[in-house]
C-alpha atoms as a PDB file:
ATOM      1  CA  MET A   1      82.098 126.677 136.634  1.00  0.00           C
ATOM      2  CA  LEU A   2      81.135 123.461 134.848  1.00  0.00           C
ATOM      3  CA  SER A   3      77.646 122.714 133.558  1.00  0.00           C
ATOM      4  CA  GLU A   4      75.480 120.311 135.503  1.00  0.00           C
ATOM      5  CA  TYR A   5      75.756 118.027 132.460  1.00  0.00           C
ATOM      6  CA  ALA A   6      79.565 117.916 132.485  1.00  0.00           C
ATOM      7  CA  ALA A   7      81.623 114.934 133.606  1.00  0.00           C
ATOM      8  CA  PHE A   8      83.292 115.862 136.906  1.00  0.00           C
ATOM      9  CA  SER A   9      86.761 114.526 137.595  1.00  0.00           C
ATOM     10  CA  ASP A  10      86.003 113.664 141.206  1.00  0.00           C
ATOM     11  CA  CYS A  11      83.036 111.581 140.056  1.00  0.00           C
ATOM     12  CA  SER A  12      85.023 109.518 137.546  1.00  0.00           C
ATOM     13  CA  LYS A  13      84.253 105.819 137.279  1.00  0.00           C
ATOM     14  CA  GLY A  14      87.942 105.267 137.886  1.00  0.00           C
ATOM     15  CA  ARG A  15      90.660 103.151 136.327  1.00  0.00           C
ATOM     16  CA  GLU A  16      91.098  99.407 135.975  1.00  0.00           C
ATOM     17  CA  ARG A  17      94.059  99.669 138.361  1.00  0.00           C
ATOM     18  CA  GLU A  18      93.564 102.104 141.213  1.00  0.00           C
ATOM     19  CA  GLU A  19      96.182 104.822 141.610  1.00  0.00           C
ATOM     20  CA  PRO A  20      96.814 107.578 144.168  1.00  0.00           C
ATOM     21  CA  GLN A  21      95.358 110.912 143.103  1.00  0.00           C
ATOM     22  CA  CYS A  22      97.773 113.557 141.827  1.00  0.00           C
ATOM     23  CA  ASP A  23      97.938 116.665 144.013  1.00  0.00           C
ATOM     24  CA  ILE A  24      97.812 119.112 141.075  1.00  0.00           C
ATOM     25  CA  ARG A  25      96.220 117.301 138.112  1.00  0.00           C
ATOM     26  CA  PRO A  26      92.655 115.938 137.936  1.00  0.00           C
ATOM     27  CA  VAL A  27      92.279 112.418 136.536  1.00  0.00           C
ATOM     28  CA  PHE A  28      91.261 113.413 133.011  1.00  0.00           C
ATOM     29  CA  GLN A  29      94.180 115.813 132.704  1.00  0.00           C
ATOM     30  CA  ARG A  30      96.518 112.985 133.671  1.00  0.00           C
ATOM     31  CA  ASP A  31      94.961 110.850 130.927  1.00  0.00           C
ATOM     32  CA  ARG A  32      95.567 113.566 128.354  1.00  0.00           C
ATOM     33  CA  ASP A  33      99.184 113.853 129.454  1.00  0.00           C
ATOM     34  CA  ARG A  34      99.700 110.092 129.226  1.00  0.00           C
ATOM     35  CA  ILE A  35      98.320 110.007 125.690  1.00  0.00           C
ATOM     36  CA  ILE A  36     100.532 112.882 124.531  1.00  0.00           C
ATOM     37  CA  HIS A  37     103.615 111.130 125.907  1.00  0.00           C
ATOM     38  CA  SER A  38     102.747 107.752 124.362  1.00  0.00           C
ATOM     39  CA  LYS A  39     104.648 106.154 121.493  1.00  0.00           C
ATOM     40  CA  ALA A  40     101.448 105.591 119.521  1.00  0.00           C
ATOM     41  CA  PHE A  41     100.694 109.313 119.616  1.00  0.00           C
ATOM     42  CA  ARG A  42     104.130 110.197 118.250  1.00  0.00           C
ATOM     43  CA  ARG A  43     103.718 107.752 115.372  1.00  0.00           C
ATOM     44  CA  LEU A  44     100.597 109.558 114.144  1.00  0.00           C
ATOM     45  CA  LYS A  45     102.788 112.181 112.462  1.00  0.00           C
ATOM     46  CA  ASP A  46     103.870 109.613 109.866  1.00  0.00           C
ATOM     47  CA  LYS A  47     100.510 107.999 109.173  1.00  0.00           C
ATOM     48  CA  THR A  48      98.229 108.849 106.262  1.00  0.00           C
ATOM     49  CA  GLN A  49      95.047 110.785 106.944  1.00  0.00           C
ATOM     50  CA  VAL A  50      93.287 110.679 103.537  1.00  0.00           C
ATOM     51  CA  PHE A  51      95.814 111.372 100.798  1.00  0.00           C
ATOM     52  CA  LEU A  52      98.434 108.669 100.343  1.00  0.00           C
ATOM     53  CA  THR A  53     102.059 109.915 100.135  1.00  0.00           C
ATOM     54  CA  PRO A  54     101.222 113.395  98.810  1.00  0.00           C
ATOM     55  CA  ASN A  55     103.927 115.680  97.430  1.00  0.00           C
ATOM     56  CA  GLY A  56     103.925 118.647  99.785  1.00  0.00           C
ATOM     57  CA  ASP A  57     104.421 119.547 103.415  1.00  0.00           C
ATOM     58  CA  HIS A  58     100.977 120.993 104.108  1.00  0.00           C
ATOM     59  CA  TYR A  59      98.680 118.018 103.664  1.00  0.00           C
ATOM     60  CA  ARG A  60      97.139 116.582 106.804  1.00  0.00           C
ATOM     61  CA  THR A  61      98.542 113.559 108.548  1.00  0.00           C
ATOM     62  CA  ARG A  62      96.809 111.477 111.203  1.00  0.00           C
ATOM     63  CA  MET A  63      98.588 113.678 113.766  1.00  0.00           C
ATOM     64  CA  THR A  64      97.381 117.006 112.394  1.00  0.00           C
ATOM     65  CA  HIS A  65      93.872 115.571 112.034  1.00  0.00           C
ATOM     66  CA  THR A  66      93.965 114.573 115.705  1.00  0.00           C
ATOM     67  CA  LEU A  67      95.086 118.051 116.756  1.00  0.00           C
ATOM     68  CA  GLU A  68      92.345 119.683 114.685  1.00  0.00           C
ATOM     69  CA  VAL A  69      89.718 117.403 116.227  1.00  0.00           C
ATOM     70  CA  SER A  70      91.052 118.341 119.653  1.00  0.00           C
ATOM     71  CA  GLN A  71      90.909 122.068 118.917  1.00  0.00           C
ATOM     72  CA  ILE A  72      87.331 121.921 117.604  1.00  0.00           C
ATOM     73  CA  ALA A  73      86.172 119.694 120.450  1.00  0.00           C
ATOM     74  CA  ARG A  74      87.714 121.953 123.098  1.00  0.00           C
ATOM     75  CA  SER A  75      86.041 125.012 121.577  1.00  0.00           C
ATOM     76  CA  ILE A  76      82.645 123.322 121.753  1.00  0.00           C
ATOM     77  CA  ALA A  77      83.243 121.913 125.232  1.00  0.00           C
ATOM     78  CA  LYS A  78      84.339 125.296 126.582  1.00  0.00           C
ATOM     79  CA  ALA A  79      81.285 127.059 125.144  1.00  0.00           C
ATOM     80  CA  LEU A  80      78.999 124.426 126.692  1.00  0.00           C
ATOM     81  CA  ARG A  81      80.923 124.449 130.014  1.00  0.00           C
ATOM     82  CA  LEU A  82      81.815 120.780 129.706  1.00  0.00           C
ATOM     83  CA  ASN A  83      85.002 119.154 130.971  1.00  0.00           C
ATOM     84  CA  GLU A  84      87.759 120.276 128.586  1.00  0.00           C
ATOM     85  CA  ASP A  85      90.341 117.864 130.012  1.00  0.00           C
ATOM     86  CA  LEU A  86      88.119 114.859 129.328  1.00  0.00           C
ATOM     87  CA  THR A  87      87.197 116.186 125.888  1.00  0.00           C
ATOM     88  CA  GLU A  88      90.832 116.727 124.949  1.00  0.00           C
ATOM     89  CA  ALA A  89      91.954 113.329 126.237  1.00  0.00           C
ATOM     90  CA  ILE A  90      89.329 111.543 124.139  1.00  0.00           C
ATOM     91  CA  ALA A  91      90.144 113.627 121.069  1.00  0.00           C
ATOM     92  CA  LEU A  92      93.905 113.065 121.332  1.00  0.00           C
ATOM     93  CA  GLY A  93      93.443 109.310 121.804  1.00  0.00           C
ATOM     94  CA  HIS A  94      90.652 108.573 119.366  1.00  0.00           C
ATOM     95  CA  ASP A  95      92.850 107.501 116.420  1.00  0.00           C
ATOM     96  CA  LEU A  96      95.835 105.930 118.209  1.00  0.00           C
ATOM     97  CA  GLY A  97      94.973 102.539 116.733  1.00  0.00           C
ATOM     98  CA  HIS A  98      94.768 103.668 113.127  1.00  0.00           C
ATOM     99  CA  THR A  99      96.754 101.737 110.551  1.00  0.00           C
ATOM    100  CA  PRO A 100      99.411 102.945 108.134  1.00  0.00           C
ATOM    101  CA  PHE A 101      97.955 104.285 104.873  1.00  0.00           C
ATOM    102  CA  GLY A 102      94.717 105.449 106.479  1.00  0.00           C
ATOM    103  CA  HIS A 103      91.485 103.682 105.698  1.00  0.00           C
ATOM    104  CA  ALA A 104      93.189 101.676 102.939  1.00  0.00           C
ATOM    105  CA  GLY A 105      95.276  99.955 105.613  1.00  0.00           C
ATOM    106  CA  GLU A 106      92.214  99.477 107.787  1.00  0.00           C
ATOM    107  CA  ARG A 107      90.309  97.824 104.932  1.00  0.00           C
ATOM    108  CA  ALA A 108      93.207  95.463 104.303  1.00  0.00           C
ATOM    109  CA  LEU A 109      93.494  94.371 107.948  1.00  0.00           C
ATOM    110  CA  ALA A 110      89.717  94.002 108.176  1.00  0.00           C
ATOM    111  CA  ARG A 111      89.889  91.459 105.356  1.00  0.00           C
ATOM    112  CA  VAL A 112      92.700  89.321 106.743  1.00  0.00           C
ATOM    113  CA  CYS A 113      92.235  89.522 110.517  1.00  0.00           C
ATOM    114  CA  GLU A 114      90.179  86.906 112.268  1.00  0.00           C
ATOM    115  CA  GLY A 115      87.128  88.751 113.511  1.00  0.00           C
ATOM    116  CA  GLY A 116      87.900  91.791 111.369  1.00  0.00           C
ATOM    117  CA  PHE A 117      89.656  94.997 112.340  1.00  0.00           C
ATOM    118  CA  ARG A 118      88.211  98.329 113.480  1.00  0.00           C
ATOM    119  CA  HIS A 119      90.478 101.230 114.312  1.00  0.00           C
ATOM    120  CA  ASN A 120      88.368 102.475 117.231  1.00  0.00           C
ATOM    121  CA  GLU A 121      88.644  99.085 118.935  1.00  0.00           C
ATOM    122  CA  GLN A 122      92.364  99.008 118.158  1.00  0.00           C
ATOM    123  CA  SER A 123      92.763 102.436 119.751  1.00  0.00           C
ATOM    124  CA  VAL A 124      91.316 100.995 122.951  1.00  0.00           C
ATOM    125  CA  ARG A 125      93.687  98.051 122.693  1.00  0.00           C
ATOM    126  CA  VAL A 126      96.597 100.465 122.347  1.00  0.00           C
ATOM    127  CA  VAL A 127      95.781 102.413 125.500  1.00  0.00           C
ATOM    128  CA  CYS A 128      94.697  99.381 127.550  1.00  0.00           C
ATOM    129  CA  LEU A 129      97.369  96.866 126.549  1.00  0.00           C
ATOM    130  CA  LEU A 130     100.026  97.804 124.020  1.00  0.00           C
ATOM    131  CA  GLU A 131     101.549 100.940 125.511  1.00  0.00           C
ATOM    132  CA  LYS A 132     104.157 100.828 128.288  1.00  0.00           C
ATOM    133  CA  ASN A 133     105.437  97.361 127.430  1.00  0.00           C
ATOM    134  CA  GLY A 134     102.113  95.609 127.738  1.00  0.00           C
ATOM    135  CA  MET A 135     100.884  97.496 130.798  1.00  0.00           C
ATOM    136  CA  GLY A 136      98.743 100.029 128.960  1.00  0.00           C
ATOM    137  CA  LEU A 137      98.161 103.624 130.044  1.00  0.00           C
ATOM    138  CA  ASN A 138      95.543 102.728 132.681  1.00  0.00           C
ATOM    139  CA  LEU A 139      93.187 105.503 131.533  1.00  0.00           C
ATOM    140  CA  THR A 140      89.884 106.334 133.162  1.00  0.00           C
ATOM    141  CA  ARG A 141      86.807 104.507 131.950  1.00  0.00           C
ATOM    142  CA  GLU A 142      85.285 107.732 130.587  1.00  0.00           C
ATOM    143  CA  VAL A 143      88.234 108.331 128.246  1.00  0.00           C
ATOM    144  CA  ILE A 144      88.249 104.717 127.060  1.00  0.00           C
ATOM    145  CA  ASP A 145      84.490 104.890 126.413  1.00  0.00           C
ATOM    146  CA  GLY A 146      84.890 108.067 124.361  1.00  0.00           C
ATOM    147  CA  ILE A 147      87.696 106.579 122.274  1.00  0.00           C
ATOM    148  CA  LEU A 148      85.712 103.411 121.597  1.00  0.00           C
ATOM    149  CA  ASN A 149      82.560 105.276 120.600  1.00  0.00           C
ATOM    150  CA  HIS A 150      83.962 108.185 118.602  1.00  0.00           C
ATOM    151  CA  GLN A 151      82.602 106.962 115.261  1.00  0.00           C
ATOM    152  CA  THR A 152      79.275 108.068 113.806  1.00  0.00           C
ATOM    153  CA  SER A 153      77.583 104.846 114.931  1.00  0.00           C
ATOM    154  CA  GLY A 154      78.968 105.166 118.467  1.00  0.00           C
ATOM    155  CA  HIS A 155      77.077 106.154 121.600  1.00  0.00           C
ATOM    156  CA  PRO A 156      79.489 107.682 124.132  1.00  0.00           C
ATOM    157  CA  SER A 157      78.304 107.742 127.728  1.00  0.00           C
ATOM    158  CA  THR A 158      79.455 111.341 128.323  1.00  0.00           C
ATOM    159  CA  LEU A 159      78.606 114.584 126.572  1.00  0.00           C
ATOM    160  CA  GLU A 160      82.330 115.154 126.177  1.00  0.00           C
ATOM    161  CA  GLY A 161      82.581 111.928 124.194  1.00  0.00           C
ATOM    162  CA  ASN A 162      79.718 113.062 121.993  1.00  0.00           C
ATOM    163  CA  VAL A 163      81.441 116.393 121.399  1.00  0.00           C
ATOM    164  CA  VAL A 164      84.485 114.507 120.065  1.00  0.00           C
ATOM    165  CA  ARG A 165      82.234 112.292 117.934  1.00  0.00           C
ATOM    166  CA  TYR A 166      80.828 115.360 116.162  1.00  0.00           C
ATOM    167  CA  SER A 167      84.170 117.177 116.086  1.00  0.00           C
ATOM    168  CA  ASP A 168      85.808 114.266 114.263  1.00  0.00           C
ATOM    169  CA  LYS A 169      83.330 114.636 111.398  1.00  0.00           C
ATOM    170  CA  ILE A 170      83.589 118.422 111.335  1.00  0.00           C
ATOM    171  CA  ALA A 171      87.376 118.222 111.206  1.00  0.00           C
ATOM    172  CA  TYR A 172      87.779 115.651 108.475  1.00  0.00           C
ATOM    173  CA  TYR A 173      85.101 117.029 106.145  1.00  0.00           C
ATOM    174  CA  ASN A 174      86.658 120.475 106.284  1.00  0.00           C
ATOM    175  CA  HIS A 175      90.334 119.565 106.173  1.00  0.00           C
ATOM    176  CA  ASP A 176      89.677 117.014 103.428  1.00  0.00           C
ATOM    177  CA  ILE A 177      88.137 119.796 101.349  1.00  0.00           C
ATOM    178  CA  ASP A 178      91.155 121.995 102.088  1.00  0.00           C
ATOM    179  CA  ASP A 179      93.593 119.231 101.107  1.00  0.00           C
ATOM    180  CA  ALA A 180      91.601 118.362  97.982  1.00  0.00           C
ATOM    181  CA  VAL A 181      91.644 122.002  96.855  1.00  0.00           C
ATOM    182  CA  ARG A 182      95.387 122.170  97.570  1.00  0.00           C
ATOM    183  CA  GLY A 183      95.873 119.011  95.491  1.00  0.00           C
ATOM    184  CA  GLN A 184      93.762 120.428  92.632  1.00  0.00           C
ATOM    185  CA  ILE A 185      91.287 117.566  92.885  1.00  0.00           C
ATOM    186  CA  ILE A 186      88.414 120.004  93.371  1.00  0.00           C
ATOM    187  CA  ARG A 187      88.042 123.775  93.437  1.00  0.00           C
ATOM    188  CA  GLU A 188      86.230 125.759  96.104  1.00  0.00           C
ATOM    189  CA  GLU A 189      83.738 126.899  93.461  1.00  0.00           C
ATOM    190  CA  ASP A 190      82.988 123.264  92.548  1.00  0.00           C
ATOM    191  CA  ILE A 191      81.257 122.662  95.889  1.00  0.00           C
ATOM    192  CA  PRO A 192      77.484 122.902  95.303  1.00  0.00           C
ATOM    193  CA  SER A 193      76.277 126.449  95.942  1.00  0.00           C
ATOM    194  CA  ASP A 194      73.406 125.321  98.149  1.00  0.00           C
ATOM    195  CA  LEU A 195      76.004 123.886 100.530  1.00  0.00           C
ATOM    196  CA  THR A 196      78.409 126.831 100.472  1.00  0.00           C
ATOM    197  CA  ASP A 197      75.568 129.343 100.820  1.00  0.00           C
ATOM    198  CA  TYR A 198      74.489 127.582 104.018  1.00  0.00           C
ATOM    199  CA  LEU A 199      77.805 126.329 105.439  1.00  0.00           C
ATOM    200  CA  GLY A 200      80.185 129.009 104.192  1.00  0.00           C
ATOM    201  CA  HIS A 201      82.546 129.726 101.324  1.00  0.00           C
ATOM    202  CA  SER A 202      85.816 128.992 103.122  1.00  0.00           C
ATOM    203  CA  LEU A 203      87.309 126.627 105.677  1.00  0.00           C
ATOM    204  CA  LYS A 204      87.023 129.297 108.382  1.00  0.00           C
ATOM    205  CA  GLU A 205      83.368 130.047 107.611  1.00  0.00           C
ATOM    206  CA  ARG A 206      82.337 126.387 107.501  1.00  0.00           C
ATOM    207  CA  LEU A 207      84.045 125.562 110.792  1.00  0.00           C
ATOM    208  CA  ASN A 208      82.437 128.593 112.409  1.00  0.00           C
ATOM    209  CA  THR A 209      78.975 127.641 111.116  1.00  0.00           C
ATOM    210  CA  MET A 210      79.173 124.014 112.225  1.00  0.00           C
ATOM    211  CA  VAL A 211      80.609 124.738 115.673  1.00  0.00           C
ATOM    212  CA  HIS A 212      78.034 127.456 116.368  1.00  0.00           C
ATOM    213  CA  ASP A 213      75.203 125.185 115.277  1.00  0.00           C
ATOM    214  CA  ILE A 214      76.221 122.503 117.798  1.00  0.00           C
ATOM    215  CA  VAL A 215      76.714 125.034 120.604  1.00  0.00           C
ATOM    216  CA  ILE A 216      73.337 126.693 119.994  1.00  0.00           C
ATOM    217  CA  GLU A 217      71.471 123.393 119.662  1.00  0.00           C
ATOM    218  CA  SER A 218      73.155 121.792 122.705  1.00  0.00           C
ATOM    219  CA  CYS A 219      73.356 124.698 125.159  1.00  0.00           C
ATOM    220  CA  ASP A 220      71.911 123.822 128.587  1.00  0.00           C
ATOM    221  CA  LYS A 221      70.661 120.474 127.333  1.00  0.00           C
ATOM    222  CA  GLY A 222      71.632 116.955 128.338  1.00  0.00           C
ATOM    223  CA  GLU A 223      72.662 115.980 124.809  1.00  0.00           C
ATOM    224  CA  ILE A 224      74.946 117.061 121.995  1.00  0.00           C
ATOM    225  CA  ARG A 225      73.192 117.585 118.693  1.00  0.00           C
ATOM    226  CA  MET A 226      73.040 119.510 115.441  1.00  0.00           C
ATOM    227  CA  SER A 227      70.020 121.171 113.928  1.00  0.00           C
ATOM    228  CA  ALA A 228      68.049 119.179 111.364  1.00  0.00           C
ATOM    229  CA  GLU A 229      69.199 121.599 108.663  1.00  0.00           C
ATOM    230  CA  MET A 230      72.838 121.112 109.599  1.00  0.00           C
ATOM    231  CA  GLU A 231      72.460 117.322 109.670  1.00  0.00           C
ATOM    232  CA  ARG A 232      71.066 117.426 106.119  1.00  0.00           C
ATOM    233  CA  ALA A 233      73.848 119.738 104.948  1.00  0.00           C
ATOM    234  CA  MET A 234      76.506 117.482 106.486  1.00  0.00           C
ATOM    235  CA  ALA A 235      74.967 114.433 104.809  1.00  0.00           C
ATOM    236  CA  ASP A 236      74.958 116.241 101.444  1.00  0.00           C
ATOM    237  CA  LEU A 237      78.572 117.343 101.978  1.00  0.00           C
ATOM    238  CA  ARG A 238      79.568 113.776 102.818  1.00  0.00           C
ATOM    239  CA  ARG A 239      77.920 112.529  99.627  1.00  0.00           C
ATOM    240  CA  TYR A 240      79.735 115.173  97.584  1.00  0.00           C
ATOM    241  CA  MET A 241      83.100 114.262  99.153  1.00  0.00           C
ATOM    242  CA  PHE A 242      82.634 110.569  98.409  1.00  0.00           C
ATOM    243  CA  GLU A 243      81.730 111.271  94.806  1.00  0.00           C
ATOM    244  CA  GLN A 244      84.432 113.837  94.092  1.00  0.00           C
ATOM    245  CA  VAL A 245      87.296 113.119  96.523  1.00  0.00           C
ATOM    246  CA  TYR A 246      87.187 109.832  98.421  1.00  0.00           C
ATOM    247  CA  THR A 247      86.740 107.778  95.239  1.00  0.00           C
ATOM    248  CA  ASN A 248      88.729 110.060  92.926  1.00  0.00           C
ATOM    249  CA  PRO A 249      91.425 108.088  91.019  1.00  0.00           C
ATOM    250  CA  ALA A 250      93.837 111.034  91.233  1.00  0.00           C
ATOM    251  CA  ALA A 251      93.832 110.811  95.025  1.00  0.00           C
ATOM    252  CA  LYS A 252      93.043 107.147  95.528  1.00  0.00           C
ATOM    253  CA  GLY A 253      94.549 105.382  92.515  1.00  0.00           C
ATOM    254  CA  GLU A 254      97.538 104.014  94.458  1.00  0.00           C
ATOM    255  CA  GLU A 255      95.610 102.709  97.458  1.00  0.00           C
ATOM    256  CA  TYR A 256      95.386  99.157  96.125  1.00  0.00           C
ATOM    257  CA  LYS A 257      99.183  98.985  96.395  1.00  0.00           C
ATOM    258  CA  ALA A 258      99.044 100.075 100.027  1.00  0.00           C
ATOM    259  CA  GLU A 259      96.367  97.490 100.761  1.00  0.00           C
ATOM    260  CA  GLY A 260      98.513  94.827  99.113  1.00  0.00           C
ATOM    261  CA  MET A 261     101.496  95.778 101.266  1.00  0.00           C
ATOM    262  CA  VAL A 262      99.493  95.628 104.486  1.00  0.00           C
ATOM    263  CA  GLU A 263      97.994  92.259 103.584  1.00  0.00           C
ATOM    264  CA  TYR A 264     101.428  90.877 102.681  1.00  0.00           C
ATOM    265  CA  LEU A 265     102.967  92.082 105.952  1.00  0.00           C
ATOM    266  CA  PHE A 266     100.144  90.557 107.972  1.00  0.00           C
ATOM    267  CA  GLU A 267     100.352  87.184 106.241  1.00  0.00           C
ATOM    268  CA  HIS A 268     104.151  87.125 106.442  1.00  0.00           C
ATOM    269  CA  TYR A 269     104.335  87.767 110.193  1.00  0.00           C
ATOM    270  CA  LYS A 270     101.462  85.410 110.854  1.00  0.00           C
ATOM    271  CA  LYS A 271     103.475  82.639 109.192  1.00  0.00           C
ATOM    272  CA  LYS A 272     106.718  83.720 110.862  1.00  0.00           C
ATOM    273  CA  PRO A 273     105.809  85.186 114.263  1.00  0.00           C
ATOM    274  CA  GLU A 274     109.366  84.607 115.471  1.00  0.00           C
ATOM    275  CA  GLN A 275     110.298  87.676 113.412  1.00  0.00           C
ATOM    276  CA  LEU A 276     108.084  89.956 115.490  1.00  0.00           C
ATOM    277  CA  THR A 277     109.901  92.316 117.856  1.00  0.00           C
ATOM    278  CA  ASP A 278     110.358  91.499 121.541  1.00  0.00           C
ATOM    279  CA  GLU A 279     107.363  93.467 122.833  1.00  0.00           C
ATOM    280  CA  TYR A 280     105.035  91.475 120.576  1.00  0.00           C
ATOM    281  CA  GLN A 281     106.757  88.213 121.457  1.00  0.00           C
ATOM    282  CA  LYS A 282     105.883  88.995 125.078  1.00  0.00           C
ATOM    283  CA  LEU A 283     102.223  89.394 124.137  1.00  0.00           C
ATOM    284  CA  LEU A 284     102.256  85.979 122.499  1.00  0.00           C
ATOM    285  CA  ALA A 285     103.894  84.509 125.589  1.00  0.00           C
ATOM    286  CA  LYS A 286     101.090  86.011 127.706  1.00  0.00           C
ATOM    287  CA  GLY A 287      98.533  84.116 125.598  1.00  0.00           C
ATOM    288  CA  GLU A 288      97.325  86.851 123.253  1.00  0.00           C
ATOM    289  CA  PRO A 289      95.957  85.407 119.956  1.00  0.00           C
ATOM    290  CA  LEU A 290      98.479  85.306 117.112  1.00  0.00           C
ATOM    291  CA  SER A 291      96.189  87.104 114.654  1.00  0.00           C
ATOM    292  CA  ALA A 292      95.577  89.945 117.118  1.00  0.00           C
ATOM    293  CA  VAL A 293      99.279  90.367 117.920  1.00  0.00           C
ATOM    294  CA  VAL A 294     100.282  90.437 114.257  1.00  0.00           C
ATOM    295  CA  ALA A 295      97.548  93.026 113.659  1.00  0.00           C
ATOM    296  CA  ASP A 296      98.931  95.026 116.596  1.00  0.00           C
ATOM    297  CA  TYR A 297     102.368  95.039 114.977  1.00  0.00           C
ATOM    298  CA  VAL A 298     101.210  95.944 111.477  1.00  0.00           C
ATOM    299  CA  ALA A 299      98.632  98.508 112.597  1.00  0.00           C
ATOM    300  CA  GLY A 300     101.259 100.225 114.740  1.00  0.00           C
ATOM    301  CA  MET A 301     103.576 100.798 111.776  1.00  0.00           C
ATOM    302  CA  THR A 302     103.985 104.224 110.221  1.00  0.00           C
ATOM    303  CA  ASP A 303     103.684 104.490 106.444  1.00  0.00           C
ATOM    304  CA  LYS A 304     107.475 104.746 106.050  1.00  0.00           C
ATOM    305  CA  TYR A 305     108.178 101.812 108.339  1.00  0.00           C
ATOM    306  CA  ALA A 306     105.632  99.617 106.558  1.00  0.00           C
ATOM    307  CA  VAL A 307     107.202 100.389 103.185  1.00  0.00           C
ATOM    308  CA  SER A 308     110.674  99.727 104.609  1.00  0.00           C
ATOM    309  CA  LYS A 309     109.686  96.356 106.095  1.00  0.00           C
ATOM    310  CA  TYR A 310     107.910  95.378 102.875  1.00  0.00           C
ATOM    311  CA  MET A 311     110.986  96.197 100.810  1.00  0.00           C
ATOM    312  CA  ASP A 312     113.219  94.249 103.213  1.00  0.00           C
ATOM    313  CA  LEU A 313     111.001  91.195 102.800  1.00  0.00           C
ATOM    314  CA  VAL A 314     110.295  91.399  99.067  1.00  0.00           C
ATOM    315  CA  ILE A 315     113.109  93.219  97.261  1.00  0.00           C
ATOM    316  CA  PRO A 316     116.320  91.187  96.761  1.00  0.00           C
ATOM    317  CA  LYS A 317     119.335  92.713  98.462  1.00  0.00           C
ATOM    318  CA  ALA A 318     122.571  93.416  96.609  1.00  0.00           C
ATOM    319  CA  TRP A 319     125.560  91.314  97.598  1.00  0.00           C
ATOM    320  CA  GLY A 320     129.219  90.918  96.743  1.00  0.00           C
ATOM    321  CA  VAL A 321     132.201  93.237  96.801  1.00  0.00           C
ATOM    322  CA  TYR A 322     133.564  95.693  94.293  1.00  0.00           C
END
């Protein structure tokens, strides 16, 4: 039933450590299951997507973003008869290495880490090393490749990886608009009419337009692509979002505080690595670089945990008896 361009499970490039095949689950389905059951995946529910500590239960988190990417990617993959298991595994794992406080945290770690910090590379480090007490999840090479190359500048080796790469953009542009409207940063009618006339006047319409464009342009072809018109519209939408949302003081005015917290935590644990938890002490004992291990610890924190650790280190504790 799969397209000739799909990635077939029985033709996988395999895992770093060979394992017996499961009698009921193909290799990419096993990878998806491993990601869902990982600690890093569970922590996504308490990590910022775009809006830092919003008041309200309906704003996206890194977890809900991941699920929306997965849903969009599976819809495209199914329409194109690609491997849905591989597509879903890549989508569910693509942001496992993201920092607390979203891209603010990533910017902070990029400044202080030796060699910089990139969340796609950290996601690979999570699945290859950090999970399961330093053993990693031992995923297939196709899933790891898709996770590493999910950003706009990436070049995944499978069509499924390219589906996730496009789906990530489709998801965050649309849910960021939805969250910004909910937060009264913009109004639906503020979006330029030339964009809404082409893409749609609601979240549902825009998702439908973008997904259909990719399916139509990519059907029975050995590549995943958008039409030239859609590429231009997406670029214009991205420019609008940066001008009106991603740099808006109402939504981003507190980010410098988050960046300061992340930088402080990194510098503190780099000076006092003995305070790292046991699993990170084991990484140091195995010869992993100090800067990388401290980044592993800080990047793995949820927003709440990072704030809690910062307060423990900075705020004086009450003492005495009444």
